[in-house]
C-alpha cells in the first residue's frame, strides 16, 4: 500500500493563505470585470502554497529546506507589487489628505515641508545612502540564521516577516496613499538633485515600490523585524540595527517617501509580528521567548 501523502501547513503558509483570502475577497467586491486577473493570480498563489505544504524539510541546511523556508519571501515580493496594481485597478479613496491633516495637527507643520527647509545636496545624498543601507539588516539575518544551521529560529524569522508584511499589505490596500512626494508636490519645491547617489539609488528604490503603498512603511517593517532577530548575537548588532533604523526612518521622511505615521505603525506591526513568532517557537517549551 502506498504511503499516505501528508499535507502539513506551516504557520507561515497559513498566514499567506489568510492574506490571499483577504485580498481575493477585497478584489471580488470590485467585480470580476475589474479585477479578474488579480483574482486569478490569488487562486494560483493559493494552489501553489497548498502544493508547497506537501514539501517537508528535515531541519538540516539543504537546498530543499532552503526552498521550503524561503519561498514565502518570493510570494511576499509578488504580493507587494500585485497590491499596488490591485489598488490602481480598484481605485477608491486615497488617504493622503487624512495623513497630512494628522501630521500637521500633531507637529504643527508638514514634516516633509519642515525638513525641506534644510535640504542641501550633500544631505540629500546622505539620506539616499542611509535609506539604501537598510538592506544590511535582512541580509545579515538571512546569512547568520540560515548558514549557522539555526533553522528553527530562521523559520520563525520568516514567519515574523510574513505576518508583519501581510499586515502592512492589508493596510496598504485598505488605506492607499501616494506618499508626501506626490501628495505635497504642489506645496513646495522638491529641492536640488545631486549627481551620485541621487542619480542611481532612486532608480533602485523605485524598482521595489508598488505605488499607492506609503502606509505603512513595508521596508521599515522588514528592517525592524530583522534587527530583532540579530540582537541575540551581541551588542554590536544592537547598535548597528538602531543606527540603520534611524537612518532609514530619517531617509523615508526626508526624501518624501513616507509620512511619520508610516514608520510608527510599521514599528508597532514589527513588534507584534516578532513577539507572535517568538511565542510560536517557544509555546511548547519551558524556555521563555528570546524576544521578551
Protein backbone atom coordinates (compact mmCIF):
# COMPACT_ATOMS: atom_id res chain seq x y z
CA UNK A 1 0.00 0.00 0.00
CA UNK A 2 1.43 3.37 -0.98
CA UNK A 3 2.35 5.77 1.79
CA UNK A 4 -0.26 8.37 2.50
CA UNK A 5 0.72 11.85 1.31
CA UNK A 6 0.76 14.21 4.26
CA UNK A 7 -0.30 17.80 3.73
CA UNK A 8 1.13 19.88 6.54
CA UNK A 9 0.76 23.65 6.51
CA UNK A 10 3.43 25.59 8.39
CA UNK A 11 2.28 28.68 10.35
CA UNK A 12 3.87 30.88 7.68
CA UNK A 13 1.84 29.18 4.96
CA UNK A 14 -1.37 29.68 6.91
CA UNK A 15 -0.53 33.39 7.16
CA UNK A 16 0.00 33.57 3.40
CA UNK A 17 -3.27 31.74 2.72
CA UNK A 18 -5.15 34.09 5.07
CA UNK A 19 -3.69 37.07 3.23
CA UNK A 20 -4.61 35.59 -0.17
CA UNK A 21 -8.17 35.03 1.05
CA UNK A 22 -8.45 38.58 2.39
CA UNK A 23 -7.16 40.14 -0.83
CA UNK A 24 -9.27 37.86 -3.02
CA UNK A 25 -12.43 38.90 -1.16
CA UNK A 26 -11.44 42.57 -1.40
CA UNK A 27 -10.83 42.22 -5.15
CA UNK A 28 -14.06 40.32 -5.74
CA UNK A 29 -16.04 43.18 -4.20
CA UNK A 30 -14.82 45.34 -7.08
CA UNK A 31 -16.28 42.93 -9.63
CA UNK A 32 -14.79 40.25 -11.86
CA UNK A 33 -14.61 42.56 -14.87
CA UNK A 34 -12.33 44.95 -12.98
CA UNK A 35 -10.10 42.52 -11.11
CA UNK A 36 -10.44 39.20 -12.91
CA UNK A 37 -6.70 38.84 -13.50
CA UNK A 38 -5.97 39.76 -9.89
CA UNK A 39 -8.40 37.09 -8.67
CA UNK A 40 -6.77 34.55 -10.99
CA UNK A 41 -3.38 35.42 -9.52
CA UNK A 42 -4.63 34.79 -5.97
CA UNK A 43 -6.17 31.45 -6.98
CA UNK A 44 -2.86 30.34 -8.49
CA UNK A 45 -0.98 31.63 -5.43
CA UNK A 46 -3.27 29.65 -3.10
CA UNK A 47 -2.77 26.47 -5.15
CA UNK A 48 1.00 26.98 -5.13
CA UNK A 49 1.07 27.47 -1.35
CA UNK A 50 -1.04 24.32 -0.98
CA UNK A 51 1.40 22.38 -3.18
CA UNK A 52 4.34 23.60 -1.08
CA UNK A 53 2.61 22.19 2.00
CA UNK A 54 3.49 18.76 0.58
CA UNK A 55 7.20 19.59 0.78
CA UNK A 56 8.79 18.86 4.13
CA UNK A 57 12.29 19.64 5.33
CA UNK A 58 14.31 17.64 7.83
CA UNK A 59 15.57 20.55 9.88
CA UNK A 60 19.04 20.47 8.32
CA UNK A 61 20.54 23.08 5.96
CA UNK A 62 19.98 21.83 2.42
CA UNK A 63 18.62 23.01 -0.92
CA UNK A 64 15.24 21.52 -0.09
CA UNK A 65 14.98 23.28 3.26
CA UNK A 66 16.28 26.47 1.66
CA UNK A 67 13.47 26.45 -0.91
CA UNK A 68 10.84 25.39 1.61
CA UNK A 69 11.69 28.11 4.11
CA UNK A 70 12.34 30.96 1.70
CA UNK A 71 9.62 30.71 -0.93
CA UNK A 72 7.30 32.87 1.25
CA UNK A 73 9.71 35.77 0.72
CA UNK A 74 9.26 35.41 -3.04
CA UNK A 75 5.49 35.26 -2.59
CA UNK A 76 5.52 38.41 -0.47
CA UNK A 77 7.51 40.23 -3.15
CA UNK A 78 4.83 39.30 -5.68
CA UNK A 79 2.03 40.26 -3.27
CA UNK A 80 3.70 43.63 -2.73
CA UNK A 81 3.62 44.50 -6.42
CA UNK A 82 0.20 42.98 -7.04
CA UNK A 83 -1.19 45.04 -4.15
CA UNK A 84 -0.14 48.21 -5.94
CA UNK A 85 -1.71 47.04 -9.21
CA UNK A 86 -4.84 45.92 -7.38
CA UNK A 87 -5.25 49.31 -5.70
CA UNK A 88 -4.76 51.13 -9.01
CA UNK A 89 -7.38 48.95 -10.74
CA UNK A 90 -9.99 49.05 -7.99
CA UNK A 91 -9.50 52.75 -7.31
CA UNK A 92 -11.39 54.30 -4.41
CA UNK A 93 -10.35 56.84 -1.83
CA UNK A 94 -6.75 57.97 -1.44
CA UNK A 95 -5.98 58.85 2.16
CA UNK A 96 -3.09 61.31 1.80
CA UNK A 97 -5.22 64.25 2.89
CA UNK A 98 -6.03 62.43 6.14
CA UNK A 99 -2.35 61.74 6.85
CA UNK A 100 -1.38 65.32 6.02
CA UNK A 101 -4.06 66.66 8.36
CA UNK A 102 -2.99 64.36 11.18
CA UNK A 103 0.67 65.25 10.87
CA UNK A 104 0.06 68.98 10.57
CA UNK A 105 -2.21 68.83 13.63
CA UNK A 106 0.36 66.92 15.70
CA UNK A 107 3.56 68.61 14.53
CA UNK A 108 2.21 71.99 13.51
CA UNK A 109 3.63 71.77 10.01
CA UNK A 110 4.05 69.18 7.28
CA UNK A 111 7.15 67.21 8.44
CA UNK A 112 8.35 66.86 4.86
CA UNK A 113 7.95 70.61 4.40
CA UNK A 114 9.88 71.33 7.59
CA UNK A 115 12.75 69.08 6.52
CA UNK A 116 12.69 70.62 3.06
CA UNK A 117 13.71 73.92 4.63
CA UNK A 118 17.12 72.45 5.50
CA UNK A 119 17.61 70.50 2.28
CA UNK A 120 21.15 70.54 0.92
CA UNK A 121 22.66 68.48 -1.88
CA UNK A 122 25.00 66.62 0.48
CA UNK A 123 22.16 65.85 2.90
CA UNK A 124 20.02 64.61 0.05
CA UNK A 125 22.86 62.30 -0.99
CA UNK A 126 23.40 61.11 2.58
CA UNK A 127 19.69 60.42 3.05
CA UNK A 128 19.55 58.23 -0.05
CA UNK A 129 22.63 56.36 1.12
CA UNK A 130 21.19 55.88 4.61
CA UNK A 131 17.87 54.70 3.19
CA UNK A 132 19.57 52.21 0.88
CA UNK A 133 21.81 50.60 3.54
CA UNK A 134 18.71 49.29 5.28
CA UNK A 135 19.19 46.11 3.22
CA UNK A 136 22.07 45.28 5.58
CA UNK A 137 19.78 44.06 8.35
CA UNK A 138 17.68 41.47 6.44
CA UNK A 139 20.83 40.34 4.60
CA UNK A 140 22.67 39.73 7.88
CA UNK A 141 19.66 37.97 9.42
CA UNK A 142 19.37 35.73 6.38
CA UNK A 143 23.06 34.75 6.43
CA UNK A 144 23.56 34.34 10.16
CA UNK A 145 20.36 32.43 10.92
CA UNK A 146 20.38 30.12 7.91
CA UNK A 147 24.07 29.41 7.39
CA UNK A 148 24.69 28.67 11.07
CA UNK A 149 22.04 25.96 10.99
CA UNK A 150 19.58 27.68 13.33
CA UNK A 151 16.66 26.66 11.14
CA UNK A 152 14.11 26.70 13.96
CA UNK A 153 14.96 30.36 14.62
CA UNK A 154 15.13 31.08 10.89
CA UNK A 155 11.73 29.52 10.29
CA UNK A 156 10.24 31.81 12.90
CA UNK A 157 12.07 34.77 11.39
CA UNK A 158 10.36 34.05 8.05
CA UNK A 159 7.06 33.68 9.91
CA UNK A 160 7.53 37.09 11.53
CA UNK A 161 8.36 38.63 8.14
CA UNK A 162 5.28 37.03 6.58
CA UNK A 163 2.96 38.16 9.39
CA UNK A 164 4.35 41.70 9.52
CA UNK A 165 4.36 42.16 5.75
CA UNK A 166 0.88 40.71 5.26
CA UNK A 167 -0.50 43.13 7.85
CA UNK A 168 1.32 46.00 6.13
CA UNK A 169 -0.01 44.98 2.73
CA UNK A 170 -3.53 44.54 4.05
CA UNK A 171 -3.45 48.08 5.45
CA UNK A 172 -1.82 49.42 2.27
CA UNK A 173 -4.70 48.15 0.14
CA UNK A 174 -7.33 49.27 2.65
CA UNK A 175 -5.83 52.76 3.10
CA UNK A 176 -3.93 53.54 -0.12
CA UNK A 177 -1.64 56.58 -0.08
CA UNK A 178 0.60 58.14 -2.70
CA UNK A 179 3.04 59.46 -0.12
CA UNK A 180 4.17 63.04 0.53
CA UNK A 181 6.37 63.13 -2.58
CA UNK A 182 3.23 63.10 -4.73
CA UNK A 183 0.60 64.41 -2.33
CA UNK A 184 2.57 67.53 -1.39
CA UNK A 185 4.39 68.11 -4.67
CA UNK A 186 2.38 71.25 -5.33
CA UNK A 187 3.10 72.75 -1.90
CA UNK A 188 6.85 73.20 -2.08
CA UNK A 189 9.89 72.95 -4.28
CA UNK A 190 11.32 69.44 -4.36
CA UNK A 191 14.90 70.60 -3.92
CA UNK A 192 18.19 70.09 -5.67
CA UNK A 193 19.33 66.77 -7.04
CA UNK A 194 22.93 65.60 -6.84
CA UNK A 195 24.80 63.51 -9.36
CA UNK A 196 25.84 60.41 -7.43
CA UNK A 197 23.51 58.53 -5.07
CA UNK A 198 20.53 60.62 -6.08
CA UNK A 199 21.02 59.68 -9.72
CA UNK A 200 21.10 55.92 -9.33
CA UNK A 201 19.62 54.98 -5.96
CA UNK A 202 16.11 56.34 -6.75
CA UNK A 203 16.02 54.00 -9.75
CA UNK A 204 16.83 51.11 -7.42
CA UNK A 205 14.30 52.26 -4.82
CA UNK A 206 11.51 52.72 -7.37
CA UNK A 207 12.12 49.22 -8.71
CA UNK A 208 10.92 47.93 -5.35
CA UNK A 209 7.94 50.23 -4.92
CA UNK A 210 4.41 49.34 -5.85
CA UNK A 211 2.84 52.80 -5.82
CA UNK A 212 -0.02 53.84 -3.53
CA UNK A 213 1.57 51.94 -0.66
CA UNK A 214 3.22 54.56 1.52
CA UNK A 215 1.32 53.42 4.59
CA UNK A 216 2.66 51.52 6.49
CA UNK A 217 6.41 51.54 5.73
CA UNK A 218 6.79 47.98 4.39
CA UNK A 219 10.57 48.26 4.02
CA UNK A 220 10.99 49.67 7.52
CA UNK A 221 8.93 46.81 8.99
CA UNK A 222 11.25 44.20 7.40
CA UNK A 223 14.32 46.01 8.74
CA UNK A 224 12.94 46.20 12.29
CA UNK A 225 11.98 42.51 12.37
CA UNK A 226 15.41 41.53 11.00
CA UNK A 227 17.08 43.66 13.66
CA UNK A 228 15.19 41.95 16.48
CA UNK A 229 16.45 38.55 15.34
CA UNK A 230 20.05 39.77 15.31
CA UNK A 231 20.08 41.21 18.82
CA UNK A 232 20.99 37.84 20.37
CA UNK A 233 24.34 37.98 18.55
CA UNK A 234 25.74 40.79 20.68
CA UNK A 235 25.75 44.49 21.45
CA UNK A 236 27.37 45.35 18.11
CA UNK A 237 24.25 44.25 16.24
CA UNK A 238 22.00 46.17 18.62
CA UNK A 239 23.95 49.39 17.98
CA UNK A 240 24.19 48.71 14.23
CA UNK A 241 20.47 48.00 13.89
CA UNK A 242 19.46 51.11 15.83
CA UNK A 243 21.73 53.21 13.61
CA UNK A 244 20.32 51.66 10.42
CA UNK A 245 16.72 52.02 11.63
CA UNK A 246 17.34 55.67 12.44
CA UNK A 247 18.85 56.35 9.02
CA UNK A 248 16.04 54.55 7.18
CA UNK A 249 13.34 56.36 9.15
CA UNK A 250 15.04 59.71 8.54
CA UNK A 251 15.56 58.95 4.85
CA UNK A 252 11.98 57.84 4.35
CA UNK A 253 10.60 61.12 5.71
CA UNK A 254 13.29 63.45 4.34
CA UNK A 255 13.09 62.01 0.83
CA UNK A 256 9.27 62.26 0.97
CA UNK A 257 8.62 58.54 0.61
CA UNK A 258 6.75 58.26 3.91
CA UNK A 259 4.74 60.12 6.50
CA UNK A 260 5.87 59.97 10.13
CA UNK A 261 2.93 57.72 10.91
CA UNK A 262 4.07 55.17 8.30
CA UNK A 263 7.20 54.35 10.31
CA UNK A 264 5.47 54.40 13.70
CA UNK A 265 2.79 51.94 12.58
CA UNK A 266 5.46 49.76 10.91
CA UNK A 267 7.30 49.64 14.25
CA UNK A 268 4.17 48.51 16.10
CA UNK A 269 3.44 45.85 13.48
CA UNK A 270 7.06 44.61 13.61
CA UNK A 271 6.93 44.25 17.41
CA UNK A 272 3.65 42.35 17.21
CA UNK A 273 4.90 40.06 14.41
CA UNK A 274 8.20 39.29 16.15
CA UNK A 275 6.52 38.60 19.50
CA UNK A 276 3.94 36.33 17.84
CA UNK A 277 6.64 34.38 16.02
CA UNK A 278 8.70 34.02 19.20
CA UNK A 279 5.66 32.69 21.05
CA UNK A 280 5.09 30.18 18.25
CA UNK A 281 8.69 28.97 18.58
CA UNK A 282 8.66 28.52 22.34
CA UNK A 283 4.99 27.73 23.04
CA UNK A 284 5.78 24.05 23.76
CA UNK A 285 8.97 24.80 25.68
CA UNK A 286 9.63 25.96 29.22
CA UNK A 287 12.16 28.47 27.85
CA UNK A 288 10.85 31.98 27.52
CA UNK A 289 11.00 33.63 24.10
CA UNK A 290 14.28 35.46 23.48
CA UNK A 291 12.27 38.39 22.12
CA UNK A 292 10.76 39.17 25.51
